[in-house]
C-alpha atoms as a PDB file:
ATOM      1  CA  MET A   1      16.510  -0.250  -9.760  1.00  0.00           C
ATOM      2  CA  ASN A   2      14.853   2.059 -12.274  1.00  0.00           C
ATOM      3  CA  ILE A   3      11.121   1.387 -12.345  1.00  0.00           C
ATOM      4  CA  GLU A   4       9.252   2.951 -15.239  1.00  0.00           C
ATOM      5  CA  ARG A   5       5.620   3.956 -14.963  1.00  0.00           C
ATOM      6  CA  LYS A   6       3.412   2.968 -17.890  1.00  0.00           C
ATOM      7  CA  THR A   7       1.096   5.752 -19.115  1.00  0.00           C
ATOM      8  CA  ILE A   8      -1.532   6.241 -21.785  1.00  0.00           C
ATOM      9  CA  LYS A   9       0.847   8.613 -23.583  1.00  0.00           C
ATOM     10  CA  ASN A  10       3.206   5.834 -24.700  1.00  0.00           C
ATOM     11  CA  ASP A  11       1.742   2.591 -23.366  1.00  0.00           C
ATOM     12  CA  ALA A  12      -2.036   2.650 -23.915  1.00  0.00           C
ATOM     13  CA  GLU A  13      -2.078  -0.662 -25.805  1.00  0.00           C
ATOM     14  CA  TYR A  14       0.037  -2.328 -23.102  1.00  0.00           C
ATOM     15  CA  LEU A  15      -2.192  -1.012 -20.281  1.00  0.00           C
ATOM     16  CA  ARG A  16      -5.278  -2.427 -21.992  1.00  0.00           C
ATOM     17  CA  GLN A  17      -3.992  -6.016 -21.906  1.00  0.00           C
ATOM     18  CA  VAL A  18      -5.344  -8.566 -19.448  1.00  0.00           C
ATOM     19  CA  SER A  19      -2.670  -9.472 -16.899  1.00  0.00           C
ATOM     20  CA  ALA A  20      -1.571 -13.086 -16.498  1.00  0.00           C
ATOM     21  CA  ARG A  21      -2.051 -15.166 -13.352  1.00  0.00           C
ATOM     22  CA  VAL A  22       0.854 -15.433 -10.938  1.00  0.00           C
ATOM     23  CA  PHE A  23       2.358 -18.904 -10.573  1.00  0.00           C
ATOM     24  CA  GLU A  24       4.629 -20.378  -7.901  1.00  0.00           C
ATOM     25  CA  ASP A  25       7.724 -20.147 -10.096  1.00  0.00           C
ATOM     26  CA  ASP A  26       7.237 -16.406 -10.775  1.00  0.00           C
ATOM     27  CA  PRO A  27       9.709 -14.088  -8.991  1.00  0.00           C
ATOM     28  CA  ILE A  28       6.999 -12.841  -6.614  1.00  0.00           C
ATOM     29  CA  ASP A  29       9.426 -11.278  -4.106  1.00  0.00           C
ATOM     30  CA  LYS A  30      11.041  -9.261  -6.910  1.00  0.00           C
ATOM     31  CA  TYR A  31       7.643  -8.051  -8.156  1.00  0.00           C
ATOM     32  CA  ILE A  32       6.540  -7.042  -4.649  1.00  0.00           C
ATOM     33  CA  LYS A  33       9.800  -5.169  -4.021  1.00  0.00           C
ATOM     34  CA  MET A  34       9.324  -3.249  -7.279  1.00  0.00           C
ATOM     35  CA  LEU A  35       5.729  -2.350  -6.359  1.00  0.00           C
ATOM     36  CA  LYS A  36       6.704  -1.309  -2.832  1.00  0.00           C
ATOM     37  CA  ASP A  37       9.706   0.746  -3.990  1.00  0.00           C
ATOM     38  CA  PHE A  38       7.614   2.557  -6.589  1.00  0.00           C
ATOM     39  CA  CYS A  39       4.765   3.270  -4.143  1.00  0.00           C
ATOM     40  CA  LYS A  40       7.171   4.475  -1.461  1.00  0.00           C
ATOM     41  CA  GLU A  41       8.299   7.315  -3.714  1.00  0.00           C
ATOM     42  CA  THR A  42       4.916   8.053  -5.259  1.00  0.00           C
ATOM     43  CA  GLU A  43       1.725   9.675  -4.019  1.00  0.00           C
ATOM     44  CA  CYS A  44      -0.789   6.939  -4.735  1.00  0.00           C
ATOM     45  CA  TYR A  45      -3.499   4.890  -3.056  1.00  0.00           C
ATOM     46  CA  ALA A  46      -2.556   1.644  -4.754  1.00  0.00           C
ATOM     47  CA  LEU A  47      -0.862   0.163  -7.777  1.00  0.00           C
ATOM     48  CA  ALA A  48      -1.550  -2.706 -10.151  1.00  0.00           C
ATOM     49  CA  ALA A  49       1.611  -4.481 -11.280  1.00  0.00           C
ATOM     50  CA  ASN A  50       1.019  -3.776 -14.970  1.00  0.00           C
ATOM     51  CA  GLN A  51       1.335  -0.037 -14.277  1.00  0.00           C
ATOM     52  CA  ILE A  52       5.078  -0.564 -13.844  1.00  0.00           C
ATOM     53  CA  GLY A  53       5.570  -3.175 -16.534  1.00  0.00           C
ATOM     54  CA  ILE A  54       4.788  -6.393 -14.659  1.00  0.00           C
ATOM     55  CA  GLN A  55       1.979  -8.045 -16.612  1.00  0.00           C
ATOM     56  CA  LYS A  56       0.857 -10.174 -13.640  1.00  0.00           C
ATOM     57  CA  ARG A  57      -2.280 -10.189 -11.452  1.00  0.00           C
ATOM     58  CA  ILE A  58      -0.813  -8.412  -8.409  1.00  0.00           C
ATOM     59  CA  ILE A  59      -2.163  -5.372  -6.564  1.00  0.00           C
ATOM     60  CA  TYR A  60      -0.304  -3.351  -3.957  1.00  0.00           C
ATOM     61  CA  LEU A  61      -2.543  -1.396  -1.556  1.00  0.00           C
ATOM     62  CA  LYS A  62      -0.667   1.514   0.012  1.00  0.00           C
ATOM     63  CA  ASN A  63      -3.297   3.862   1.441  1.00  0.00           C
ATOM     64  CA  THR A  64      -6.973   2.950   1.270  1.00  0.00           C
ATOM     65  CA  THR A  65      -8.181   5.684   3.598  1.00  0.00           C
ATOM     66  CA  GLN A  66      -9.188   9.237   2.848  1.00  0.00           C
ATOM     67  CA  ASN A  67      -8.129  10.340   6.351  1.00  0.00           C
ATOM     68  CA  ILE A  68      -4.395  10.087   5.672  1.00  0.00           C
ATOM     69  CA  PRO A  69      -3.152  12.427   2.930  1.00  0.00           C
ATOM     70  CA  LEU A  70      -1.281  10.904   0.005  1.00  0.00           C
ATOM     71  CA  GLU A  71       1.544  13.347   0.674  1.00  0.00           C
ATOM     72  CA  ASN A  72       2.361  11.277   3.781  1.00  0.00           C
ATOM     73  CA  LYS A  73       4.802   8.930   2.050  1.00  0.00           C
ATOM     74  CA  ASN A  74       5.610   7.169   5.340  1.00  0.00           C
ATOM     75  CA  TYR A  75       2.121   5.651   5.598  1.00  0.00           C
ATOM     76  CA  ASP A  76       2.012   2.290   3.842  1.00  0.00           C
ATOM     77  CA  GLU A  77      -0.472  -0.535   4.413  1.00  0.00           C
ATOM     78  CA  GLU A  78       1.768  -2.880   2.395  1.00  0.00           C
ATOM     79  CA  LYS A  79      -1.152  -5.132   1.479  1.00  0.00           C
ATOM     80  CA  ILE A  80      -0.418  -7.567  -1.321  1.00  0.00           C
ATOM     81  CA  ILE A  81      -3.239  -9.097  -3.346  1.00  0.00           C
ATOM     82  CA  ILE A  82      -2.311 -11.855  -5.796  1.00  0.00           C
ATOM     83  CA  ASN A  83      -4.618 -13.508  -8.345  1.00  0.00           C
ATOM     84  CA  PRO A  84      -7.788 -11.848  -7.027  1.00  0.00           C
ATOM     85  CA  VAL A  85     -11.168 -13.280  -7.955  1.00  0.00           C
ATOM     86  CA  VAL A  86     -14.297 -11.217  -7.390  1.00  0.00           C
ATOM     87  CA  ILE A  87     -16.946 -13.174  -5.494  1.00  0.00           C
ATOM     88  CA  SER A  88     -19.642 -10.515  -5.189  1.00  0.00           C
ATOM     89  CA  LYS A  89     -20.398  -6.807  -5.377  1.00  0.00           C
ATOM     90  CA  LYS A  90     -23.171  -4.673  -3.933  1.00  0.00           C
ATOM     91  CA  GLY A  91     -24.093  -1.074  -3.439  1.00  0.00           C
ATOM     92  CA  LYS A  92     -23.110   1.926  -5.491  1.00  0.00           C
ATOM     93  CA  THR A  93     -20.666   4.827  -5.116  1.00  0.00           C
ATOM     94  CA  LYS A  94     -19.333   7.628  -7.296  1.00  0.00           C
ATOM     95  CA  TYR A  95     -15.936   9.245  -7.180  1.00  0.00           C
ATOM     96  CA  TRP A  96     -13.794  11.476  -9.371  1.00  0.00           C
ATOM     97  CA  GLU A  97     -10.929   9.056  -9.903  1.00  0.00           C
ATOM     98  CA  SER A  98      -7.464   9.810 -11.155  1.00  0.00           C
ATOM     99  CA  CYS A  99      -4.662   7.431 -12.036  1.00  0.00           C
ATOM    100  CA  LEU A 100      -0.890   7.451 -12.367  1.00  0.00           C
ATOM    101  CA  SER A 101      -1.261   5.777 -15.764  1.00  0.00           C
ATOM    102  CA  CYS A 102      -3.813   8.264 -17.076  1.00  0.00           C
ATOM    103  CA  LEU A 103      -1.772  11.410 -16.428  1.00  0.00           C
ATOM    104  CA  ASP A 104      -4.042  14.394 -15.667  1.00  0.00           C
ATOM    105  CA  PHE A 105      -7.305  12.781 -16.801  1.00  0.00           C
ATOM    106  CA  MET A 106      -9.839  12.457 -14.010  1.00  0.00           C
ATOM    107  CA  GLY A 107     -13.134  10.624 -14.485  1.00  0.00           C
ATOM    108  CA  LEU A 108     -16.412  10.309 -12.612  1.00  0.00           C
ATOM    109  CA  VAL A 109     -16.741   6.554 -12.051  1.00  0.00           C
ATOM    110  CA  THR A 110     -19.489   4.440 -10.482  1.00  0.00           C
ATOM    111  CA  ARG A 111     -18.191   1.560  -8.365  1.00  0.00           C
ATOM    112  CA  PRO A 112     -19.669  -0.937  -5.892  1.00  0.00           C
ATOM    113  CA  TYR A 113     -19.904   0.067  -2.227  1.00  0.00           C
ATOM    114  CA  GLU A 114     -18.867  -3.441  -1.217  1.00  0.00           C
ATOM    115  CA  ILE A 115     -16.735  -6.010  -2.980  1.00  0.00           C
ATOM    116  CA  GLU A 116     -15.807  -9.477  -1.770  1.00  0.00           C
ATOM    117  CA  ILE A 117     -12.735 -11.148  -3.237  1.00  0.00           C
ATOM    118  CA  LEU A 118     -10.753 -14.342  -2.939  1.00  0.00           C
ATOM    119  CA  TYR A 119      -6.983 -13.792  -3.245  1.00  0.00           C
ATOM    120  CA  PHE A 120      -3.563 -15.003  -2.153  1.00  0.00           C
ATOM    121  CA  ASP A 121      -0.975 -13.097  -0.150  1.00  0.00           C
ATOM    122  CA  GLN A 122       2.762 -13.124  -0.910  1.00  0.00           C
ATOM    123  CA  TYR A 123       3.217 -16.253   1.239  1.00  0.00           C
ATOM    124  CA  GLY A 124       0.683 -18.281  -0.729  1.00  0.00           C
ATOM    125  CA  ASN A 125      -2.068 -18.070   1.893  1.00  0.00           C
ATOM    126  CA  GLU A 126      -5.615 -17.907   0.559  1.00  0.00           C
ATOM    127  CA  HIS A 127      -7.946 -15.178   1.857  1.00  0.00           C
ATOM    128  CA  ILE A 128     -11.555 -14.187   1.363  1.00  0.00           C
ATOM    129  CA  GLU A 129     -12.039 -10.549   2.297  1.00  0.00           C
ATOM    130  CA  THR A 130     -14.737  -7.920   1.980  1.00  0.00           C
ATOM    131  CA  PHE A 131     -13.818  -4.316   1.215  1.00  0.00           C
ATOM    132  CA  THR A 132     -16.313  -1.501   1.729  1.00  0.00           C
ATOM    133  CA  GLY A 133     -16.581   2.181   0.956  1.00  0.00           C
ATOM    134  CA  PHE A 134     -13.510   3.993  -0.311  1.00  0.00           C
ATOM    135  CA  LYS A 135     -11.395   0.826   0.029  1.00  0.00           C
ATOM    136  CA  ALA A 136     -13.787  -0.948  -2.356  1.00  0.00           C
ATOM    137  CA  THR A 137     -13.437   1.908  -4.834  1.00  0.00           C
ATOM    138  CA  ILE A 138      -9.654   1.732  -4.770  1.00  0.00           C
ATOM    139  CA  LEU A 139      -9.640  -2.051  -5.074  1.00  0.00           C
ATOM    140  CA  SER A 140     -12.154  -1.954  -7.951  1.00  0.00           C
ATOM    141  CA  HIS A 141      -9.976   0.569  -9.803  1.00  0.00           C
ATOM    142  CA  GLU A 142      -6.937  -1.715  -9.462  1.00  0.00           C
ATOM    143  CA  LEU A 143      -8.911  -4.846 -10.389  1.00  0.00           C
ATOM    144  CA  ASP A 144      -9.912  -3.087 -13.604  1.00  0.00           C
ATOM    145  CA  HIS A 145      -6.225  -2.451 -14.369  1.00  0.00           C
ATOM    146  CA  LEU A 146      -5.592  -6.202 -14.186  1.00  0.00           C
ATOM    147  CA  ASP A 147      -8.307  -6.687 -16.804  1.00  0.00           C
ATOM    148  CA  GLY A 148      -6.965  -3.953 -19.082  1.00  0.00           C
ATOM    149  CA  VAL A 149      -9.656  -1.410 -18.194  1.00  0.00           C
ATOM    150  CA  LEU A 150      -8.750   2.188 -17.342  1.00  0.00           C
ATOM    151  CA  HIS A 151     -11.026   4.461 -15.344  1.00  0.00           C
ATOM    152  CA  ILE A 152     -11.282   6.795 -18.344  1.00  0.00           C
ATOM    153  CA  ASP A 153     -12.779   3.892 -20.327  1.00  0.00           C
ATOM    154  CA  ILE A 154     -15.775   3.633 -17.981  1.00  0.00           C
ATOM    155  CA  ALA A 155     -16.129   7.207 -16.690  1.00  0.00           C
ATOM    156  CA  GLU A 156     -19.410   9.065 -17.079  1.00  0.00           C
ATOM    157  CA  GLU A 157     -17.483  12.301 -17.499  1.00  0.00           C
ATOM    158  CA  ILE A 158     -13.786  13.125 -17.925  1.00  0.00           C
ATOM    159  CA  LYS A 159     -11.862  16.253 -16.959  1.00  0.00           C
ATOM    160  CA  ASN A 160      -8.225  17.178 -17.515  1.00  0.00           C
ATOM    161  CA  MET A 161      -6.831  18.677 -14.289  1.00  0.00           C
ATOM    162  CA  LYS A 162      -3.455  19.029 -12.634  1.00  0.00           C
ATOM    163  CA  LYS A 163      -3.005  17.520  -9.150  1.00  0.00           C
ATOM    164  CA  LYS A 164      -3.605  20.779  -7.282  1.00  0.00           C
ATOM    165  CA  GLU A 165      -6.787  21.453  -9.270  1.00  0.00           C
ATOM    166  CA  ARG A 166      -8.028  17.904  -8.605  1.00  0.00           C
ATOM    167  CA  LYS A 167      -7.600  18.340  -4.864  1.00  0.00           C
ATOM    168  CA  GLU A 168      -9.700  21.519  -4.896  1.00  0.00           C
ATOM    169  CA  PHE A 169     -12.292  19.990  -7.222  1.00  0.00           C
ATOM    170  CA  ARG A 170     -12.697  16.962  -4.944  1.00  0.00           C
ATOM    171  CA  LYS A 171     -13.449  19.228  -1.975  1.00  0.00           C
ATOM    172  CA  LEU A 172     -16.555  20.336  -3.876  1.00  0.00           C
ATOM    173  CA  HIS A 173     -17.236  16.870  -5.328  1.00  0.00           C
ATOM    174  CA  PRO A 174     -16.317  14.330  -2.622  1.00  0.00           C
ATOM    175  CA  TYR A 175     -16.651  10.559  -2.576  1.00  0.00           C
ATOM    176  CA  GLU A 176     -20.378   9.746  -2.727  1.00  0.00           C
ATOM    177  CA  ILE A 177     -22.165   6.695  -1.358  1.00  0.00           C
ATOM    178  CA  ILE A 178     -25.369   6.225  -3.342  1.00  0.00           C
ATOM    179  CA  SER A 179     -26.405   2.848  -1.932  1.00  0.00           C
ATOM    180  CA  LYS A 180     -24.926   0.338   0.484  1.00  0.00           C
ATOM    181  CA  GLU A 181     -27.545  -2.325  -0.092  1.00  0.00           C
ATOM    182  CA  GLU A 182     -28.205  -2.550  -3.799  1.00  0.00           C
ATOM    183  CA  PRO A 183     -28.705  -6.233  -4.657  1.00  0.00           C
ATOM    184  CA  VAL A 184     -25.658  -8.455  -4.394  1.00  0.00           C
ATOM    185  CA  LYS A 185     -24.201  -9.494  -7.721  1.00  0.00           C
ATOM    186  CA  LYS A 186     -22.571 -12.902  -7.448  1.00  0.00           C
ATOM    187  CA  ILE A 187     -19.736 -12.988  -9.883  1.00  0.00           C
ATOM    188  CA  VAL A 188     -17.192 -15.726  -9.141  1.00  0.00           C
ATOM    189  CA  LYS A 189     -15.122 -16.400 -12.230  1.00  0.00           C
ATOM    190  CA  ILE A 190     -12.064 -18.535 -11.670  1.00  0.00           C
END
């Protein structure tokens, strides 16, 4: 199966659309297989379904740790998040994010340190889970994709760097936790 990555070069308007909810009659197994197959062959932390042409509210988390290099294609958390709803956010972090959809554009983005979401897994089970630190940053990035927001849209600063340059740059500008306890923002929109 040929899975095509959507990028800002040819698909900016598509990427800025809000993804639709997943329903029981959607081919969920097919979507998950496409996400997994794409991530298996790609160096990425996670992927929102719309990045490969599935305009549905699905996120695939592959590697939400900074301790395991992205080059390790065998590591895969295989976490599926369907129809996520943000319950609350708190704290503040900054990270120089990059994105498969945004080519070589890297942006300095502020994200919450902690994010609590309600979501469904691929079997239809409901979960409420809290993500902290780097995991919260990755999840927040993917949640934005589902709402048609790219990291370059909200970045304080943007740089154009190839992958090797980004890796070196991040050694000098690592993930930064500014606050873990900034007031909780209750969000809940269903």
